[in-house]
Amino acid sequence: MSPAALSEKERRDWLRLSKSENVGPSTFRTLLRRYGSAAAALDALPQLARNGGLGRSPRLYGCDAAERDLENAAAFGARFVAWSEADYPPLLRETDGAPPLLCLKGDAGLFRRESVAIVGARNASAIARKFTRSLAREIGGEGHAIVSGLARGIDTAAHEASLDTGTIAVVAGGVDVVYPPENEALHGAIGERGVIVSEMVPGTVPKAEYFPRRNRIVSGIARALIVVEAAVRSGSLITARFAAEQGRDIFAVPGSPLDPRCEGSNRLIRDGAALLLSARDVLEALDSGPRQVQMNLFEPDPPPIARLEAGEAESRNLLELLSPTPIDADDLMRESGLDAQTLSALLLELSLAGRIVRHPNGEVSRA
């Protein structure tokens, strides 16, 4: 199905549903398929949560709050784009856990270019920053957009070098929140000449837990990922893990084994990432042809089944099978003996009650 634009009411309802309690991207997608619209899903959500065992009404995101978010975005020159719309990044749209809505400021046309993500250490060495600028300029000069996270160090170098050719900054807070503070001028320049992207509403201050969520968007937008100077415990390696799960090409720049900033990127090479010595290594991989986006997010699920008389017992049995370790839904269906439709309905209810966690790769675990 071709991407379709939302009405302003639909956009508000999508925002409300996506920000309501226990509605992550996977649950949002299930609700939208099952009920046909965000408005209908919002109406059904309280009963579904009660069915799943929530002993109170779930917290729904209010109409006034959603309207305020839309107005704040517009006042900053930004807008919300849904994954059903043409301006949503196409490669990100096909990933598990893609945000239902993105807030963006700038040129959404950059999403239609094949892009390369460049990430690395915040305390990067001078030579690594220089090499990053060279990579970004050469790759950008070939018509590709450069994606990064607008952090200090490697991210900053990548954005600075690709301002003239096309740069995409994915931020962990609202698109109107400058972080780090020293990147205020760069933040403003990207908003005017590139595009700033966030799944957060305007005014959101970055928190530690938001950065991994940002990282999955960085890798999801791009066709390939380059890691420059990454320590073993770093956000760059989190981005690389997401890139591997999303089927992206991963490149790493080798560095001295005596420099802790290079230990993570060297390990990536040891574990199978392509060793990168020049921009040509990435450009040749991109020349092999674009990945085809075939995932259809809008095909409806079967209509919702009626609540089973044995629903509470079914839910208890399902919870007993789950543990904090994620399990694939297909394996869970075999172990539980439930048919796919019943399992889907019960997982939806348990998720909305906050009793299970649905992971982007289709796995589930006990909360």
Protein backbone atom coordinates (compact mmCIF):
# COMPACT_ATOMS: atom_id res chain seq x y z
CA MET A 1 0.00 0.00 0.00
CA SER A 2 1.30 3.47 -0.85
CA PRO A 3 2.13 5.84 2.01
CA ALA A 4 -0.89 7.97 2.91
CA ALA A 5 -1.03 11.42 4.52
CA LEU A 6 -2.84 11.84 7.82
CA SER A 7 -5.46 14.44 8.56
CA GLU A 8 -4.64 16.77 11.44
CA LYS A 9 -7.09 14.92 13.68
CA GLU A 10 -5.49 11.60 12.77
CA ARG A 11 -2.05 13.06 13.48
CA ARG A 12 -3.21 14.16 16.93
CA ASP A 13 -4.71 10.72 17.59
CA TRP A 14 -1.50 8.98 16.46
CA LEU A 15 0.48 11.19 18.82
CA ARG A 16 -1.92 10.49 21.69
CA LEU A 17 -1.81 6.73 21.15
CA SER A 18 1.97 6.60 20.75
CA LYS A 19 2.46 8.50 24.03
CA SER A 20 -0.12 6.56 26.06
CA GLU A 21 0.95 4.20 28.83
CA ASN A 22 2.58 0.92 27.74
CA VAL A 23 2.13 1.66 24.02
CA GLY A 24 5.51 1.10 22.40
CA PRO A 25 6.08 0.95 18.63
CA SER A 26 5.26 -2.77 18.34
CA THR A 27 2.07 -2.44 20.38
CA PHE A 28 1.10 0.68 18.44
CA ARG A 29 1.42 -1.23 15.19
CA THR A 30 -0.67 -4.11 16.51
CA LEU A 31 -3.39 -1.75 17.75
CA LEU A 32 -3.52 0.14 14.48
CA ARG A 33 -3.82 -3.02 12.44
CA ARG A 34 -6.41 -4.51 14.73
CA TYR A 35 -8.68 -1.47 15.12
CA GLY A 36 -8.05 0.38 11.86
CA SER A 37 -7.43 3.81 13.38
CA ALA A 38 -5.70 5.42 16.34
CA ALA A 39 -9.01 6.86 17.55
CA ALA A 40 -10.63 3.42 17.70
CA ALA A 41 -7.57 1.99 19.42
CA LEU A 42 -7.70 4.73 22.07
CA ASP A 43 -11.33 3.85 22.76
CA ALA A 44 -10.47 0.15 23.11
CA LEU A 45 -7.30 0.58 25.16
CA PRO A 46 -8.84 0.84 28.70
CA GLN A 47 -10.75 -2.44 28.36
CA LEU A 48 -7.76 -4.20 26.82
CA ALA A 49 -5.54 -3.11 29.71
CA ARG A 50 -8.12 -4.31 32.25
CA ASN A 51 -8.32 -7.65 30.44
CA GLY A 52 -4.56 -7.93 30.80
CA GLY A 53 -4.74 -7.45 34.56
CA LEU A 54 -4.17 -3.72 35.04
CA GLY A 55 -6.14 -2.79 38.16
CA ARG A 56 -6.73 0.83 37.16
CA SER A 57 -7.40 2.86 34.05
CA PRO A 58 -4.32 3.24 31.83
CA ARG A 59 -2.88 6.72 31.44
CA LEU A 60 -3.96 8.02 28.04
CA TYR A 61 -2.13 10.97 26.54
CA GLY A 62 -4.55 13.88 26.59
CA CYS A 63 -5.94 15.82 23.63
CA ASP A 64 -4.69 19.10 25.09
CA ALA A 65 -1.16 17.75 25.55
CA ALA A 66 -1.06 16.44 21.99
CA GLU A 67 -2.38 19.72 20.59
CA ARG A 68 0.25 21.58 22.57
CA ASP A 69 3.00 19.33 21.17
CA LEU A 70 1.80 19.95 17.62
CA GLU A 71 1.66 23.69 18.22
CA ASN A 72 5.12 23.77 19.82
CA ALA A 73 6.57 21.90 16.87
CA ALA A 74 4.98 24.32 14.41
CA ALA A 75 6.24 27.31 16.38
CA PHE A 76 9.79 25.97 16.04
CA GLY A 77 9.35 25.32 12.32
CA ALA A 78 9.09 21.57 12.84
CA ARG A 79 6.36 19.00 12.16
CA PHE A 80 5.36 15.45 13.03
CA VAL A 81 5.55 12.84 10.26
CA ALA A 82 3.91 9.42 10.58
CA TRP A 83 5.34 6.18 9.25
CA SER A 84 2.36 6.03 6.88
CA GLU A 85 3.53 9.21 5.12
CA ALA A 86 5.90 9.79 2.23
CA ASP A 87 8.32 11.99 4.20
CA TYR A 88 9.08 9.23 6.72
CA PRO A 89 12.58 7.71 6.20
CA PRO A 90 11.93 4.64 4.01
CA LEU A 91 14.59 2.31 5.42
CA LEU A 92 13.62 3.18 8.99
CA ARG A 93 9.98 2.43 8.15
CA GLU A 94 10.81 -1.21 7.41
CA THR A 95 12.58 -1.85 10.73
CA ASP A 96 11.05 -3.50 13.78
CA GLY A 97 10.32 -0.89 16.42
CA ALA A 98 10.23 2.06 14.03
CA PRO A 99 8.70 5.07 15.85
CA PRO A 100 5.10 5.68 14.73
CA LEU A 101 5.84 9.41 14.51
CA LEU A 102 8.99 11.46 14.03
CA CYS A 103 9.31 15.15 14.76
CA LEU A 104 11.56 16.81 12.21
CA LYS A 105 12.82 20.20 11.21
CA GLY A 106 14.43 20.79 7.86
CA ASP A 107 14.59 19.10 4.47
CA ALA A 108 12.80 15.74 4.53
CA GLY A 109 13.94 15.24 0.95
CA LEU A 110 17.27 14.08 2.39
CA PHE A 111 15.53 10.88 3.51
CA ARG A 112 15.07 9.92 -0.12
CA ARG A 113 18.83 9.78 -0.60
CA GLU A 114 20.83 6.71 0.25
CA SER A 115 22.60 7.59 3.47
CA VAL A 116 25.58 6.55 5.56
CA ALA A 117 25.75 6.87 9.35
CA ILE A 118 29.03 7.86 10.99
CA VAL A 119 29.38 7.50 14.76
CA GLY A 120 32.20 7.32 17.28
CA ALA A 121 33.82 8.58 20.44
CA ARG A 122 32.79 11.84 22.06
CA ASN A 123 36.40 12.33 23.23
CA ALA A 124 37.77 11.47 19.79
CA SER A 125 41.39 12.11 18.89
CA ALA A 126 42.33 14.89 16.49
CA ILE A 127 43.37 12.41 13.78
CA ALA A 128 40.04 10.55 14.07
CA ARG A 129 38.09 13.80 13.69
CA LYS A 130 40.17 14.72 10.66
CA PHE A 131 39.56 11.31 9.07
CA THR A 132 35.85 11.57 9.84
CA ARG A 133 35.62 14.92 8.07
CA SER A 134 37.39 13.44 5.05
CA LEU A 135 34.98 10.47 4.98
CA ALA A 136 31.89 12.68 5.32
CA ARG A 137 33.02 15.09 2.59
CA GLU A 138 33.88 12.34 0.10
CA ILE A 139 30.77 10.22 0.74
CA GLY A 140 28.56 13.31 0.75
CA GLY A 141 30.21 14.51 -2.45
CA GLU A 142 28.97 11.34 -4.14
CA GLY A 143 25.37 12.31 -3.38
CA HIS A 144 24.82 10.40 -0.14
CA ALA A 145 23.42 11.95 3.03
CA ILE A 146 25.39 11.64 6.26
CA VAL A 147 23.54 10.58 9.42
CA SER A 148 24.81 11.01 12.97
CA GLY A 149 23.66 11.84 16.51
CA LEU A 150 24.88 15.43 16.97
CA ALA A 151 27.04 14.42 19.95
CA ARG A 152 30.50 15.76 20.69
CA GLY A 153 33.52 14.39 18.84
CA ILE A 154 32.98 12.16 15.81
CA ASP A 155 29.28 13.08 15.39
CA THR A 156 30.09 16.78 15.34
CA ALA A 157 32.89 16.31 12.82
CA ALA A 158 30.62 14.27 10.53
CA HIS A 159 27.85 16.87 10.59
CA GLU A 160 30.20 19.83 10.08
CA ALA A 161 31.78 18.22 7.02
CA SER A 162 28.45 17.30 5.41
CA LEU A 163 26.49 20.53 5.92
CA ASP A 164 26.98 21.47 2.27
CA THR A 165 26.17 18.02 0.85
CA GLY A 166 23.33 16.89 3.15
CA THR A 167 23.34 15.95 6.83
CA ILE A 168 20.74 14.29 9.06
CA ALA A 169 20.98 14.77 12.83
CA VAL A 170 19.05 12.38 15.09
CA VAL A 171 18.73 13.82 18.60
CA ALA A 172 17.80 12.21 21.92
CA GLY A 173 15.68 15.14 23.14
CA GLY A 174 13.23 17.43 21.41
CA VAL A 175 14.28 18.91 18.09
CA ASP A 176 14.21 22.33 19.76
CA VAL A 177 16.55 21.34 22.60
CA VAL A 178 20.24 22.01 21.95
CA TYR A 179 22.54 19.30 23.29
CA PRO A 180 25.42 19.49 23.87
CA PRO A 181 25.29 23.28 24.48
CA GLU A 182 28.44 23.98 22.47
CA ASN A 183 26.70 22.69 19.34
CA GLU A 184 24.11 25.48 19.35
CA ALA A 185 25.35 27.01 16.09
CA LEU A 186 25.65 23.61 14.41
CA HIS A 187 22.17 22.64 15.60
CA GLY A 188 20.75 25.79 14.05
CA ALA A 189 22.64 25.28 10.80
CA ILE A 190 21.41 21.69 10.41
CA GLY A 191 17.83 22.82 10.99
CA GLU A 192 18.21 25.30 8.13
CA ARG A 193 20.39 23.33 5.70
CA GLY A 194 19.87 19.68 6.67
CA VAL A 195 17.27 17.97 8.84
CA ILE A 196 16.96 17.35 12.60
CA VAL A 197 14.98 14.28 13.68
CA SER A 198 13.58 13.04 17.00
CA GLU A 199 10.92 10.66 18.23
CA MET A 200 10.46 12.91 21.28
CA VAL A 201 8.04 15.81 21.53
CA PRO A 202 9.42 19.38 21.53
CA GLY A 203 10.82 20.53 24.84
CA THR A 204 12.01 17.06 25.90
CA VAL A 205 15.35 17.26 27.72
CA PRO A 206 17.70 14.36 26.85
CA LYS A 207 18.07 11.61 29.45
CA ALA A 208 20.48 8.69 29.51
CA GLU A 209 17.77 6.17 28.59
CA TYR A 210 16.82 8.16 25.48
CA PHE A 211 20.18 7.77 23.75
CA PRO A 212 19.90 4.06 22.85
CA ARG A 213 16.46 4.83 21.38
CA ARG A 214 18.07 7.56 19.31
CA ASN A 215 20.81 5.16 18.20
CA ARG A 216 18.34 2.70 16.64
CA ILE A 217 16.99 5.56 14.52
CA VAL A 218 20.49 6.59 13.41
CA SER A 219 21.21 3.09 12.12
CA GLY A 220 17.66 2.58 10.86
CA ILE A 221 17.75 5.59 8.55
CA ALA A 222 21.09 4.66 7.00
CA ARG A 223 22.07 2.03 4.48
CA ALA A 224 25.52 1.60 6.05
CA LEU A 225 27.21 2.43 9.37
CA ILE A 226 30.81 3.55 9.96
CA VAL A 227 32.24 3.36 13.49
CA VAL A 228 35.27 5.52 14.27
CA GLU A 229 37.04 5.24 17.64
CA ALA A 230 34.58 3.46 19.91
CA ALA A 231 35.34 2.20 23.39
CA VAL A 232 34.11 -1.23 24.49
CA ARG A 233 31.24 0.24 26.51
CA SER A 234 29.97 2.98 24.24
CA GLY A 235 26.85 4.18 22.51
CA SER A 236 28.56 3.58 19.18
CA LEU A 237 28.63 -0.17 19.81
CA ILE A 238 24.93 -0.03 20.74
CA THR A 239 24.35 1.61 17.36
CA ALA A 240 26.40 -1.13 15.69
CA ARG A 241 24.27 -3.80 17.38
CA PHE A 242 21.11 -2.16 16.10
CA ALA A 243 22.66 -1.89 12.63
CA ALA A 244 23.42 -5.62 12.63
CA GLU A 245 19.85 -6.45 13.67
CA GLN A 246 18.54 -4.16 10.92
CA GLY A 247 20.69 -5.79 8.23
CA ARG A 248 22.90 -2.77 7.57
CA ASP A 249 26.45 -2.85 6.23
CA ILE A 250 28.84 -2.16 9.13
CA PHE A 251 32.34 -0.72 8.72
CA ALA A 252 34.88 0.07 11.42
CA VAL A 253 38.05 2.15 11.26
CA PRO A 254 41.02 0.30 12.80
CA GLY A 255 43.03 1.99 15.51
CA SER A 256 45.89 1.43 17.90
CA PRO A 257 45.35 -1.50 20.29
CA LEU A 258 46.95 0.72 22.94
CA ASP A 259 44.20 3.35 22.69
CA PRO A 260 41.07 2.45 24.70
CA ARG A 261 39.04 4.62 22.32
CA CYS A 262 39.75 2.07 19.58
CA GLU A 263 39.13 -1.13 21.50
CA GLY A 264 35.46 -1.35 20.60
CA SER A 265 35.91 -0.54 16.91
CA ASN A 266 38.81 -3.03 16.66
CA ARG A 267 36.61 -5.70 18.22
CA LEU A 268 33.92 -4.99 15.64
CA ILE A 269 36.45 -5.80 12.91
CA ARG A 270 37.47 -8.97 14.75
CA ASP A 271 33.81 -9.98 14.99
CA GLY A 272 33.04 -9.48 11.30
CA ALA A 273 32.60 -5.78 10.54
CA ALA A 274 34.31 -4.63 7.34
CA LEU A 275 37.64 -2.91 7.87
CA LEU A 276 37.47 0.63 6.49
CA LEU A 277 40.57 2.35 5.13
CA SER A 278 38.93 4.93 2.86
CA ALA A 279 35.56 6.25 1.75
CA ARG A 280 35.89 4.08 -1.35
CA ASP A 281 35.29 0.96 0.79
CA VAL A 282 31.80 2.23 1.66
CA LEU A 283 31.03 3.68 -1.76
CA GLU A 284 31.76 0.36 -3.46
CA ALA A 285 29.33 -1.38 -1.10
CA LEU A 286 26.66 1.23 -1.85
CA ASP A 287 27.26 0.80 -5.58
CA SER A 288 26.20 -2.84 -5.26
CA GLY A 289 22.62 -1.56 -5.35
CA PRO A 290 20.02 -0.26 -2.88
CA ARG A 291 18.17 -2.58 -0.55
CA GLN A 292 14.57 -3.06 -1.59
CA VAL A 293 11.95 -1.88 0.89
CA GLN A 294 9.17 -4.46 0.74
CA MET A 295 7.72 -4.50 4.24
CA ASN A 296 4.05 -3.52 4.31
CA LEU A 297 3.18 -1.92 7.64
CA PHE A 298 -0.41 -1.22 6.75
CA GLU A 299 -1.87 -4.61 5.94
CA PRO A 300 -4.65 -5.09 8.48
CA ASP A 301 -4.73 -7.90 11.01
CA PRO A 302 -7.85 -10.03 11.36
CA PRO A 303 -10.64 -8.29 13.30
CA PRO A 304 -10.34 -8.43 17.10
CA ILE A 305 -11.53 -11.67 18.62
CA ALA A 306 -14.08 -11.70 21.40
CA ARG A 307 -12.77 -11.95 24.93
CA LEU A 308 -12.41 -15.63 25.78
CA GLU A 309 -14.32 -16.98 28.78
CA ALA A 310 -11.08 -18.65 29.86
CA GLY A 311 -9.11 -15.46 29.16
CA GLU A 312 -7.78 -14.99 32.69
CA ALA A 313 -6.60 -18.59 32.89
CA GLU A 314 -5.02 -18.30 29.44
CA SER A 315 -3.22 -15.14 30.54
CA ARG A 316 -1.92 -16.78 33.72
CA ASN A 317 -0.65 -19.78 31.79
CA LEU A 318 1.05 -17.52 29.28
CA LEU A 319 2.75 -15.50 32.02
CA GLU A 320 4.03 -18.70 33.63
CA LEU A 321 5.78 -19.57 30.36
CA LEU A 322 7.50 -16.21 30.19
CA SER A 323 10.67 -15.12 31.97
CA PRO A 324 12.88 -12.02 31.91
CA THR A 325 14.74 -13.67 29.01
CA PRO A 326 13.07 -12.79 25.67
CA ILE A 327 11.51 -15.58 23.64
CA ASP A 328 10.33 -15.55 20.04
CA ALA A 329 6.55 -15.36 19.66
CA ASP A 330 6.54 -18.40 17.35
CA ASP A 331 8.30 -20.47 20.02
CA LEU A 332 5.84 -19.17 22.60
CA MET A 333 2.92 -20.23 20.40
CA ARG A 334 4.30 -23.77 20.15
CA GLU A 335 4.94 -24.03 23.90
CA SER A 336 1.56 -22.57 24.88
CA GLY A 337 -0.53 -24.48 22.38
CA LEU A 338 -2.42 -21.29 21.53
CA ASP A 339 -3.35 -20.38 17.99
CA ALA A 340 -1.76 -17.27 16.49
CA GLN A 341 -4.85 -15.08 16.79
CA THR A 342 -5.48 -15.91 20.46
CA LEU A 343 -1.82 -15.48 21.33
CA SER A 344 -1.73 -12.10 19.59
CA ALA A 345 -4.82 -10.92 21.50
CA LEU A 346 -3.46 -12.04 24.87
CA LEU A 347 -0.02 -10.54 24.27
CA LEU A 348 -1.63 -7.25 23.35
CA GLU A 349 -3.65 -7.17 26.58
CA LEU A 350 -0.68 -8.17 28.75
CA SER A 351 1.49 -5.57 27.07
CA LEU A 352 -1.03 -2.78 27.71
CA ALA A 353 -1.25 -3.91 31.34
CA GLY A 354 2.53 -3.54 31.64
CA ARG A 355 3.03 -7.21 32.48
CA ILE A 356 5.19 -8.13 29.51
CA VAL A 357 7.77 -6.40 27.34
CA ARG A 358 7.54 -6.59 23.56
CA HIS A 359 10.93 -6.33 21.89
CA PRO A 360 11.52 -4.87 18.40
CA ASN A 361 12.70 -8.22 16.98
CA GLY A 362 9.35 -9.88 17.68
CA GLU A 363 10.40 -11.43 20.99
CA VAL A 364 8.56 -11.01 24.29
CA SER A 365 9.60 -11.28 27.93
CA ARG A 366 8.02 -10.93 31.33
CA ALA A 367 8.20 -7.39 32.73
